[in-house]
PDB file of N, CA and C in Angstrom:
ATOM      1  N   MET A   1     -61.380  -6.188  37.746  1.00  0.00           N
ATOM      2  CA  MET A   1     -60.529  -7.283  38.208  1.00  0.00           C
ATOM      3  C   MET A   1     -59.390  -7.280  37.213  1.00  0.00           C
ATOM      4  N   SER A   2     -59.686  -7.124  35.949  1.00  0.00           N
ATOM      5  CA  SER A   2     -58.650  -6.984  34.957  1.00  0.00           C
ATOM      6  C   SER A   2     -57.620  -5.933  35.276  1.00  0.00           C
ATOM      7  N   GLY A   3     -57.669  -4.837  35.953  1.00  0.00           N
ATOM      8  CA  GLY A   3     -57.017  -3.837  36.263  1.00  0.00           C
ATOM      9  C   GLY A   3     -55.937  -4.651  37.051  1.00  0.00           C
ATOM     10  N   THR A   4     -56.469  -5.187  38.219  1.00  0.00           N
ATOM     11  CA  THR A   4     -55.462  -5.719  39.330  1.00  0.00           C
ATOM     12  C   THR A   4     -54.773  -6.654  38.653  1.00  0.00           C
ATOM     13  N   LYS A   5     -55.554  -7.555  38.150  1.00  0.00           N
ATOM     14  CA  LYS A   5     -54.598  -8.871  37.412  1.00  0.00           C
ATOM     15  C   LYS A   5     -53.437  -8.339  36.234  1.00  0.00           C
ATOM     16  N   ALA A   6     -53.905  -7.464  35.694  1.00  0.00           N
ATOM     17  CA  ALA A   6     -52.841  -6.789  34.640  1.00  0.00           C
ATOM     18  C   ALA A   6     -51.589  -5.979  35.542  1.00  0.00           C
ATOM     19  N   GLU A   7     -51.922  -5.333  36.526  1.00  0.00           N
ATOM     20  CA  GLU A   7     -50.630  -4.823  37.656  1.00  0.00           C
ATOM     21  C   GLU A   7     -50.156  -6.220  38.050  1.00  0.00           C
ATOM     22  N   GLU A   8     -50.850  -6.722  38.515  1.00  0.00           N
ATOM     23  CA  GLU A   8     -49.950  -8.210  38.942  1.00  0.00           C
ATOM     24  C   GLU A   8     -49.199  -8.806  37.956  1.00  0.00           C
ATOM     25  N   ALA A   9     -49.659  -8.876  36.907  1.00  0.00           N
ATOM     26  CA  ALA A   9     -48.597  -9.757  35.868  1.00  0.00           C
ATOM     27  C   ALA A   9     -47.387  -8.536  35.269  1.00  0.00           C
ATOM     28  N   ALA A  10     -47.822  -7.369  35.105  1.00  0.00           N
ATOM     29  CA  ALA A  10     -46.801  -6.346  34.758  1.00  0.00           C
ATOM     30  C   ALA A  10     -45.911  -6.321  35.991  1.00  0.00           C
ATOM     31  N   ALA A  11     -46.074  -6.449  37.168  1.00  0.00           N
ATOM     32  CA  ALA A  11     -45.332  -6.877  38.339  1.00  0.00           C
ATOM     33  C   ALA A  11     -44.465  -7.841  38.471  1.00  0.00           C
ATOM     34  N   LEU A  12     -45.096  -9.327  38.066  1.00  0.00           N
ATOM     35  CA  LEU A  12     -44.180 -10.166  37.831  1.00  0.00           C
ATOM     36  C   LEU A  12     -43.140 -10.103  36.506  1.00  0.00           C
ATOM     37  N   LEU A  13     -43.662  -9.611  35.512  1.00  0.00           N
ATOM     38  CA  LEU A  13     -42.838  -9.735  34.331  1.00  0.00           C
ATOM     39  C   LEU A  13     -41.427  -8.543  34.931  1.00  0.00           C
ATOM     40  N   LYS A  14     -41.748  -7.600  35.607  1.00  0.00           N
ATOM     41  CA  LYS A  14     -40.472  -6.843  36.055  1.00  0.00           C
ATOM     42  C   LYS A  14     -39.590  -7.634  36.444  1.00  0.00           C
ATOM     43  N   ARG A  15     -39.831  -8.759  37.213  1.00  0.00           N
ATOM     44  CA  ARG A  15     -38.598  -9.811  37.917  1.00  0.00           C
ATOM     45  C   ARG A  15     -37.849 -10.292  37.031  1.00  0.00           C
ATOM     46  N   PHE A  16     -38.029 -10.285  35.486  1.00  0.00           N
ATOM     47  CA  PHE A  16     -37.258 -11.231  34.539  1.00  0.00           C
ATOM     48  C   PHE A  16     -36.003 -10.218  33.926  1.00  0.00           C
ATOM     49  N   SER A  17     -35.355 -10.660  33.431  1.00  0.00           N
ATOM     50  CA  SER A  17     -34.123 -10.063  32.923  1.00  0.00           C
ATOM     51  C   SER A  17     -34.677  -9.766  31.560  1.00  0.00           C
ATOM     52  N   ALA A  18     -34.061  -8.877  30.666  1.00  0.00           N
ATOM     53  CA  ALA A  18     -34.334  -8.561  29.169  1.00  0.00           C
ATOM     54  C   ALA A  18     -34.179 -10.098  28.678  1.00  0.00           C
ATOM     55  N   GLU A  19     -33.006 -10.867  28.681  1.00  0.00           N
ATOM     56  CA  GLU A  19     -33.017 -11.994  28.180  1.00  0.00           C
ATOM     57  C   GLU A  19     -34.281 -13.005  28.204  1.00  0.00           C
ATOM     58  N   GLU A  20     -34.566 -13.179  29.321  1.00  0.00           N
ATOM     59  CA  GLU A  20     -35.756 -14.095  30.003  1.00  0.00           C
ATOM     60  C   GLU A  20     -37.231 -13.214  29.251  1.00  0.00           C
ATOM     61  N   LYS A  21     -37.187 -11.941  29.230  1.00  0.00           N
ATOM     62  CA  LYS A  21     -38.335 -11.629  28.497  1.00  0.00           C
ATOM     63  C   LYS A  21     -38.610 -11.587  27.162  1.00  0.00           C
ATOM     64  N   ALA A  22     -37.282 -11.937  26.525  1.00  0.00           N
ATOM     65  CA  ALA A  22     -37.158 -11.839  24.990  1.00  0.00           C
ATOM     66  C   ALA A  22     -37.539 -13.346  24.648  1.00  0.00           C
ATOM     67  N   ARG A  23     -37.169 -14.632  25.792  1.00  0.00           N
ATOM     68  CA  ARG A  23     -37.899 -16.085  25.255  1.00  0.00           C
ATOM     69  C   ARG A  23     -39.112 -15.871  25.397  1.00  0.00           C
ATOM     70  N   PHE A  24     -39.673 -15.352  26.576  1.00  0.00           N
ATOM     71  CA  PHE A  24     -40.944 -15.325  26.904  1.00  0.00           C
ATOM     72  C   PHE A  24     -41.967 -14.659  26.019  1.00  0.00           C
ATOM     73  N   ALA A  25     -41.405 -13.501  25.278  1.00  0.00           N
ATOM     74  CA  ALA A  25     -41.991 -13.274  24.016  1.00  0.00           C
ATOM     75  C   ALA A  25     -42.543 -14.358  23.244  1.00  0.00           C
ATOM     76  N   VAL A  26     -41.322 -14.837  22.894  1.00  0.00           N
ATOM     77  CA  VAL A  26     -41.634 -16.141  21.608  1.00  0.00           C
ATOM     78  C   VAL A  26     -42.581 -17.134  21.912  1.00  0.00           C
ATOM     79  N   MET A  27     -42.098 -17.554  23.260  1.00  0.00           N
ATOM     80  CA  MET A  27     -43.451 -18.468  23.945  1.00  0.00           C
ATOM     81  C   MET A  27     -44.441 -18.169  24.031  1.00  0.00           C
ATOM     82  N   SER A  28     -44.920 -16.866  24.291  1.00  0.00           N
ATOM     83  CA  SER A  28     -46.129 -16.479  24.474  1.00  0.00           C
ATOM     84  C   SER A  28     -47.220 -16.582  23.434  1.00  0.00           C
ATOM     85  N   VAL A  29     -46.387 -16.120  22.318  1.00  0.00           N
ATOM     86  CA  VAL A  29     -46.849 -16.030  20.992  1.00  0.00           C
ATOM     87  C   VAL A  29     -47.757 -17.627  20.801  1.00  0.00           C
ATOM     88  N   GLU A  30     -47.132 -18.585  21.251  1.00  0.00           N
ATOM     89  CA  GLU A  30     -47.855 -19.957  21.120  1.00  0.00           C
ATOM     90  C   GLU A  30     -48.475 -20.345  21.795  1.00  0.00           C
ATOM     91  N   VAL A  31     -48.504 -19.825  23.145  1.00  0.00           N
ATOM     92  CA  VAL A  31     -49.563 -19.933  24.048  1.00  0.00           C
ATOM     93  C   VAL A  31     -50.850 -19.186  24.051  1.00  0.00           C
ATOM     94  N   PHE A  32     -50.505 -17.850  23.743  1.00  0.00           N
ATOM     95  CA  PHE A  32     -51.791 -16.937  23.652  1.00  0.00           C
ATOM     96  C   PHE A  32     -51.859 -16.378  22.281  1.00  0.00           C
ATOM     97  N   GLY A  33     -51.197 -16.754  21.138  1.00  0.00           N
ATOM     98  CA  GLY A  33     -51.359 -16.387  19.962  1.00  0.00           C
ATOM     99  C   GLY A  33     -51.103 -14.820  19.522  1.00  0.00           C
ATOM    100  N   LYS A  34     -50.579 -14.199  20.741  1.00  0.00           N
ATOM    101  CA  LYS A  34     -50.321 -12.950  20.480  1.00  0.00           C
ATOM    102  C   LYS A  34     -49.251 -12.602  21.631  1.00  0.00           C
ATOM    103  N   PRO A  35     -48.149 -11.699  21.120  1.00  0.00           N
ATOM    104  CA  PRO A  35     -47.066 -11.365  22.262  1.00  0.00           C
ATOM    105  C   PRO A  35     -47.812 -10.640  23.564  1.00  0.00           C
ATOM    106  N   VAL A  36     -47.056 -10.988  24.600  1.00  0.00           N
ATOM    107  CA  VAL A  36     -47.363 -10.586  25.929  1.00  0.00           C
ATOM    108  C   VAL A  36     -46.812  -9.086  25.938  1.00  0.00           C
ATOM    109  N   PRO A  37     -47.793  -7.851  26.362  1.00  0.00           N
ATOM    110  CA  PRO A  37     -47.364  -6.569  26.347  1.00  0.00           C
ATOM    111  C   PRO A  37     -46.560  -6.636  27.816  1.00  0.00           C
ATOM    112  N   PHE A  38     -45.860  -5.558  27.937  1.00  0.00           N
ATOM    113  CA  PHE A  38     -45.015  -5.856  29.523  1.00  0.00           C
ATOM    114  C   PHE A  38     -45.514  -4.462  30.060  1.00  0.00           C
ATOM    115  N   THR A  39     -46.611  -4.034  29.826  1.00  0.00           N
ATOM    116  CA  THR A  39     -47.167  -2.708  30.686  1.00  0.00           C
ATOM    117  C   THR A  39     -48.473  -3.241  31.263  1.00  0.00           C
ATOM    118  N   ALA A  40     -48.865  -2.853  32.279  1.00  0.00           N
ATOM    119  CA  ALA A  40     -50.079  -2.997  33.009  1.00  0.00           C
ATOM    120  C   ALA A  40     -51.486  -2.296  32.182  1.00  0.00           C
ATOM    121  N   GLU A  41     -50.987  -1.145  31.523  1.00  0.00           N
ATOM    122  CA  GLU A  41     -52.296  -0.410  30.552  1.00  0.00           C
ATOM    123  C   GLU A  41     -52.625  -1.162  29.588  1.00  0.00           C
ATOM    124  N   SER A  42     -51.362  -2.035  28.852  1.00  0.00           N
ATOM    125  CA  SER A  42     -51.882  -2.885  27.413  1.00  0.00           C
ATOM    126  C   SER A  42     -52.432  -4.134  28.145  1.00  0.00           C
ATOM    127  N   LEU A  43     -51.934  -4.737  29.423  1.00  0.00           N
ATOM    128  CA  LEU A  43     -52.263  -6.056  29.523  1.00  0.00           C
ATOM    129  C   LEU A  43     -53.877  -5.839  30.462  1.00  0.00           C
ATOM    130  N   ALA A  44     -54.176  -4.827  30.656  1.00  0.00           N
ATOM    131  CA  ALA A  44     -55.640  -4.486  30.987  1.00  0.00           C
ATOM    132  C   ALA A  44     -56.465  -4.667  30.038  1.00  0.00           C
ATOM    133  N   GLU A  45     -56.228  -4.810  28.919  1.00  0.00           N
ATOM    134  CA  GLU A  45     -57.142  -4.672  27.831  1.00  0.00           C
ATOM    135  C   GLU A  45     -57.160  -6.322  27.185  1.00  0.00           C
ATOM    136  N   TRP A  46     -56.537  -7.103  28.079  1.00  0.00           N
ATOM    137  CA  TRP A  46     -56.574  -8.407  27.946  1.00  0.00           C
ATOM    138  C   TRP A  46     -57.755  -9.390  28.398  1.00  0.00           C
ATOM    139  N   ASP A  47     -57.984 -10.400  28.141  1.00  0.00           N
ATOM    140  CA  ASP A  47     -58.992 -10.998  28.820  1.00  0.00           C
ATOM    141  C   ASP A  47     -58.941 -11.491  30.200  1.00  0.00           C
ATOM    142  N   PRO A  48     -59.699 -11.388  30.930  1.00  0.00           N
ATOM    143  CA  PRO A  48     -59.601 -11.697  32.536  1.00  0.00           C
ATOM    144  C   PRO A  48     -58.913 -13.200  32.511  1.00  0.00           C
ATOM    145  N   GLN A  49     -59.587 -14.389  31.717  1.00  0.00           N
ATOM    146  CA  GLN A  49     -59.031 -15.340  31.730  1.00  0.00           C
ATOM    147  C   GLN A  49     -57.537 -15.731  31.149  1.00  0.00           C
ATOM    148  N   ASP A  50     -57.161 -15.095  30.509  1.00  0.00           N
ATOM    149  CA  ASP A  50     -55.731 -15.037  29.813  1.00  0.00           C
ATOM    150  C   ASP A  50     -54.833 -14.450  30.823  1.00  0.00           C
ATOM    151  N   LEU A  51     -55.392 -13.206  31.470  1.00  0.00           N
ATOM    152  CA  LEU A  51     -54.659 -12.675  32.635  1.00  0.00           C
ATOM    153  C   LEU A  51     -54.332 -13.581  33.473  1.00  0.00           C
ATOM    154  N   GLU A  52     -55.360 -14.343  34.081  1.00  0.00           N
ATOM    155  CA  GLU A  52     -55.162 -15.188  35.096  1.00  0.00           C
ATOM    156  C   GLU A  52     -54.217 -16.367  34.912  1.00  0.00           C
ATOM    157  N   THR A  53     -54.109 -16.991  33.625  1.00  0.00           N
ATOM    158  CA  THR A  53     -53.554 -18.081  33.027  1.00  0.00           C
ATOM    159  C   THR A  53     -51.796 -17.181  33.051  1.00  0.00           C
ATOM    160  N   LEU A  54     -51.793 -16.108  32.440  1.00  0.00           N
ATOM    161  CA  LEU A  54     -50.404 -15.328  32.419  1.00  0.00           C
ATOM    162  C   LEU A  54     -49.828 -15.209  33.662  1.00  0.00           C
ATOM    163  N   CYS A  55     -50.831 -14.691  34.957  1.00  0.00           N
ATOM    164  CA  CYS A  55     -50.249 -14.826  35.930  1.00  0.00           C
ATOM    165  C   CYS A  55     -49.746 -16.296  36.745  1.00  0.00           C
ATOM    166  N   LYS A  56     -50.387 -17.032  36.357  1.00  0.00           N
ATOM    167  CA  LYS A  56     -49.888 -18.527  36.907  1.00  0.00           C
ATOM    168  C   LYS A  56     -48.813 -19.211  36.415  1.00  0.00           C
ATOM    169  N   ILE A  57     -48.608 -18.618  35.206  1.00  0.00           N
ATOM    170  CA  ILE A  57     -47.620 -19.237  34.148  1.00  0.00           C
ATOM    171  C   ILE A  57     -46.218 -18.380  34.768  1.00  0.00           C
ATOM    172  N   LEU A  58     -46.184 -16.988  34.843  1.00  0.00           N
ATOM    173  CA  LEU A  58     -45.226 -16.286  35.409  1.00  0.00           C
ATOM    174  C   LEU A  58     -44.704 -16.637  36.717  1.00  0.00           C
ATOM    175  N   GLY A  59     -45.969 -16.798  37.720  1.00  0.00           N
ATOM    176  CA  GLY A  59     -45.681 -17.164  39.208  1.00  0.00           C
ATOM    177  C   GLY A  59     -44.794 -18.736  39.007  1.00  0.00           C
ATOM    178  N   GLY A  60     -44.976 -19.520  38.423  1.00  0.00           N
ATOM    179  CA  GLY A  60     -44.459 -20.854  38.427  1.00  0.00           C
ATOM    180  C   GLY A  60     -43.203 -20.542  37.778  1.00  0.00           C
ATOM    181  N   MET A  61     -42.728 -19.648  36.770  1.00  0.00           N
ATOM    182  CA  MET A  61     -41.390 -19.461  36.221  1.00  0.00           C
ATOM    183  C   MET A  61     -40.740 -18.774  37.168  1.00  0.00           C
ATOM    184  N   ILE A  62     -41.407 -17.771  37.916  1.00  0.00           N
ATOM    185  CA  ILE A  62     -40.493 -17.360  38.922  1.00  0.00           C
ATOM    186  C   ILE A  62     -39.955 -18.116  39.977  1.00  0.00           C
ATOM    187  N   LEU A  63     -41.069 -19.110  40.460  1.00  0.00           N
ATOM    188  CA  LEU A  63     -40.659 -20.271  41.595  1.00  0.00           C
ATOM    189  C   LEU A  63     -39.673 -20.979  41.019  1.00  0.00           C
ATOM    190  N   THR A  64     -39.591 -21.542  39.932  1.00  0.00           N
ATOM    191  CA  THR A  64     -38.663 -22.208  39.262  1.00  0.00           C
ATOM    192  C   THR A  64     -37.098 -21.641  39.310  1.00  0.00           C
ATOM    193  N   LYS A  65     -37.332 -20.318  38.667  1.00  0.00           N
ATOM    194  CA  LYS A  65     -35.982 -19.854  38.447  1.00  0.00           C
ATOM    195  C   LYS A  65     -35.621 -19.283  40.221  1.00  0.00           C
ATOM    196  N   GLU A  66     -36.241 -18.981  41.208  1.00  0.00           N
ATOM    197  CA  GLU A  66     -35.681 -18.733  42.298  1.00  0.00           C
ATOM    198  C   GLU A  66     -35.456 -20.259  43.315  1.00  0.00           C
ATOM    199  N   HIS A  67     -35.967 -21.314  43.028  1.00  0.00           N
ATOM    200  CA  HIS A  67     -35.710 -22.465  43.651  1.00  0.00           C
ATOM    201  C   HIS A  67     -34.944 -23.643  42.976  1.00  0.00           C
ATOM    202  N   ALA A  68     -34.903 -23.476  41.843  1.00  0.00           N
ATOM    203  CA  ALA A  68     -34.073 -24.907  41.017  1.00  0.00           C
ATOM    204  C   ALA A  68     -32.793 -24.903  41.521  1.00  0.00           C
ATOM    205  N   PRO A  69     -32.039 -23.399  41.696  1.00  0.00           N
ATOM    206  CA  PRO A  69     -30.567 -23.454  41.977  1.00  0.00           C
ATOM    207  C   PRO A  69     -30.452 -24.089  43.277  1.00  0.00           C
ATOM    208  N   LEU A  70     -31.360 -23.943  44.314  1.00  0.00           N
ATOM    209  CA  LEU A  70     -31.520 -24.543  45.600  1.00  0.00           C
ATOM    210  C   LEU A  70     -31.628 -25.862  45.761  1.00  0.00           C
ATOM    211  N   LEU A  71     -32.217 -26.331  44.729  1.00  0.00           N
ATOM    212  CA  LEU A  71     -32.401 -27.973  44.457  1.00  0.00           C
ATOM    213  C   LEU A  71     -31.575 -28.571  44.186  1.00  0.00           C
ATOM    214  N   GLU A  72     -30.717 -27.929  43.053  1.00  0.00           N
ATOM    215  CA  GLU A  72     -29.537 -28.611  42.469  1.00  0.00           C
ATOM    216  C   GLU A  72     -28.473 -28.766  43.856  1.00  0.00           C
ATOM    217  N   ILE A  73     -28.191 -27.753  44.627  1.00  0.00           N
ATOM    218  CA  ILE A  73     -27.324 -27.769  45.699  1.00  0.00           C
ATOM    219  C   ILE A  73     -27.876 -28.973  46.667  1.00  0.00           C
ATOM    220  N   MET A  74     -29.180 -28.996  46.919  1.00  0.00           N
ATOM    221  CA  MET A  74     -29.680 -30.194  47.550  1.00  0.00           C
ATOM    222  C   MET A  74     -29.464 -31.292  47.395  1.00  0.00           C
ATOM    223  N   LEU A  75     -29.618 -31.527  45.986  1.00  0.00           N
ATOM    224  CA  LEU A  75     -29.350 -32.766  45.308  1.00  0.00           C
ATOM    225  C   LEU A  75     -28.189 -33.372  45.544  1.00  0.00           C
ATOM    226  N   SER A  76     -27.080 -32.207  45.088  1.00  0.00           N
ATOM    227  CA  SER A  76     -25.691 -32.562  45.109  1.00  0.00           C
ATOM    228  C   SER A  76     -25.117 -32.795  46.446  1.00  0.00           C
ATOM    229  N   ASP A  77     -25.632 -32.293  47.289  1.00  0.00           N
ATOM    230  CA  ASP A  77     -25.108 -32.488  49.076  1.00  0.00           C
ATOM    231  C   ASP A  77     -25.811 -33.975  49.209  1.00  0.00           C
ATOM    232  N   LEU A  78     -27.242 -34.526  48.567  1.00  0.00           N
ATOM    233  CA  LEU A  78     -27.378 -35.587  49.073  1.00  0.00           C
ATOM    234  C   LEU A  78     -26.926 -36.859  48.260  1.00  0.00           C
ATOM    235  N   LYS A  79     -26.028 -36.400  47.298  1.00  0.00           N
ATOM    236  CA  LYS A  79     -25.491 -37.541  46.240  1.00  0.00           C
ATOM    237  C   LYS A  79     -24.929 -38.822  46.880  1.00  0.00           C
ATOM    238  N   ASP A  80     -24.226 -38.909  47.743  1.00  0.00           N
ATOM    239  CA  ASP A  80     -23.654 -39.903  48.613  1.00  0.00           C
ATOM    240  C   ASP A  80     -24.366 -40.161  49.708  1.00  0.00           C
ATOM    241  N   ALA A  81     -25.326 -39.726  50.108  1.00  0.00           N
ATOM    242  CA  ALA A  81     -26.101 -40.133  51.279  1.00  0.00           C
ATOM    243  C   ALA A  81     -27.071 -41.293  50.941  1.00  0.00           C
ATOM    244  N   ASP A  82     -26.986 -41.963  52.267  1.00  0.00           N
ATOM    245  CA  ASP A  82     -27.482 -43.631  52.259  1.00  0.00           C
ATOM    246  C   ASP A  82     -28.904 -43.302  52.823  1.00  0.00           C
ATOM    247  N   LEU A  83     -29.938 -43.023  51.801  1.00  0.00           N
ATOM    248  CA  LEU A  83     -31.045 -42.635  51.937  1.00  0.00           C
ATOM    249  C   LEU A  83     -31.862 -44.132  51.777  1.00  0.00           C
ATOM    250  N   PRO A  84     -32.891 -44.124  52.230  1.00  0.00           N
ATOM    251  CA  PRO A  84     -33.857 -45.175  52.004  1.00  0.00           C
ATOM    252  C   PRO A  84     -34.243 -45.601  50.764  1.00  0.00           C
ATOM    253  N   SER A  85     -34.774 -46.586  50.156  1.00  0.00           N
ATOM    254  CA  SER A  85     -35.087 -46.971  48.762  1.00  0.00           C
ATOM    255  C   SER A  85     -36.533 -47.086  48.864  1.00  0.00           C
ATOM    256  N   GLU A  86     -37.043 -47.415  50.116  1.00  0.00           N
ATOM    257  CA  GLU A  86     -38.582 -47.548  50.110  1.00  0.00           C
ATOM    258  C   GLU A  86     -39.309 -46.529  51.055  1.00  0.00           C
ATOM    259  N   VAL A  87     -40.633 -46.395  50.996  1.00  0.00           N
ATOM    260  CA  VAL A  87     -41.346 -45.453  51.724  1.00  0.00           C
ATOM    261  C   VAL A  87     -42.622 -46.329  52.211  1.00  0.00           C
ATOM    262  N   GLU A  88     -42.711 -45.855  53.688  1.00  0.00           N
ATOM    263  CA  GLU A  88     -43.830 -46.797  53.915  1.00  0.00           C
ATOM    264  C   GLU A  88     -44.794 -45.507  54.875  1.00  0.00           C
ATOM    265  N   PHE A  89     -46.078 -46.165  54.737  1.00  0.00           N
ATOM    266  CA  PHE A  89     -46.850 -44.993  55.258  1.00  0.00           C
ATOM    267  C   PHE A  89     -47.808 -45.701  56.567  1.00  0.00           C
ATOM    268  N   GLY A  90     -47.863 -45.149  57.704  1.00  0.00           N
ATOM    269  CA  GLY A  90     -48.599 -45.695  58.540  1.00  0.00           C
ATOM    270  C   GLY A  90     -49.931 -45.629  58.716  1.00  0.00           C
ATOM    271  N   ARG A  91     -50.841 -46.428  59.675  1.00  0.00           N
ATOM    272  CA  ARG A  91     -52.254 -45.797  59.794  1.00  0.00           C
ATOM    273  C   ARG A  91     -52.225 -44.618  60.183  1.00  0.00           C
ATOM    274  N   ILE A  92     -53.453 -44.076  59.675  1.00  0.00           N
ATOM    275  CA  ILE A  92     -53.966 -42.556  60.442  1.00  0.00           C
ATOM    276  C   ILE A  92     -55.116 -43.234  61.264  1.00  0.00           C
ATOM    277  N   ASP A  93     -54.712 -42.648  62.637  1.00  0.00           N
ATOM    278  CA  ASP A  93     -55.716 -42.830  63.561  1.00  0.00           C
ATOM    279  C   ASP A  93     -56.900 -41.966  63.914  1.00  0.00           C
ATOM    280  N   ASP A  94     -58.036 -42.278  63.712  1.00  0.00           N
ATOM    281  CA  ASP A  94     -58.943 -41.624  63.764  1.00  0.00           C
ATOM    282  C   ASP A  94     -59.809 -41.217  64.851  1.00  0.00           C
ATOM    283  N   GLY A  95     -58.944 -41.321  65.915  1.00  0.00           N
ATOM    284  CA  GLY A  95     -59.256 -40.753  67.377  1.00  0.00           C
ATOM    285  C   GLY A  95     -60.459 -41.742  68.182  1.00  0.00           C
ATOM    286  N   GLY A  96     -60.478 -42.903  67.515  1.00  0.00           N
ATOM    287  CA  GLY A  96     -61.971 -43.743  68.010  1.00  0.00           C
ATOM    288  C   GLY A  96     -63.193 -43.455  67.322  1.00  0.00           C
ATOM    289  N   ARG A  97     -62.993 -42.908  66.491  1.00  0.00           N
ATOM    290  CA  ARG A  97     -64.628 -41.971  65.822  1.00  0.00           C
ATOM    291  C   ARG A  97     -65.103 -43.316  64.999  1.00  0.00           C
TER     292      ARG A  97
END
């Protein structure tokens, strides 16, 4: 399983720029106590739990990187919108059970 996770992590790492990888390398020492290698071969030597954590961190970073600009645009579009200030929840009908 480590080989598969190592390949997944290496593929995720390829989606980052050189500058982002440099910042991530610094952060990874704080999280994992060692720098993250950027090849599947080196990552395959990692503990499976650390690889799982790494993949989750990278996935979250990619989601943020890809969707944060869209959220900023959406928020700016709603800046002057007259939105409700309260939210109400209705009753859930259980179908007579």
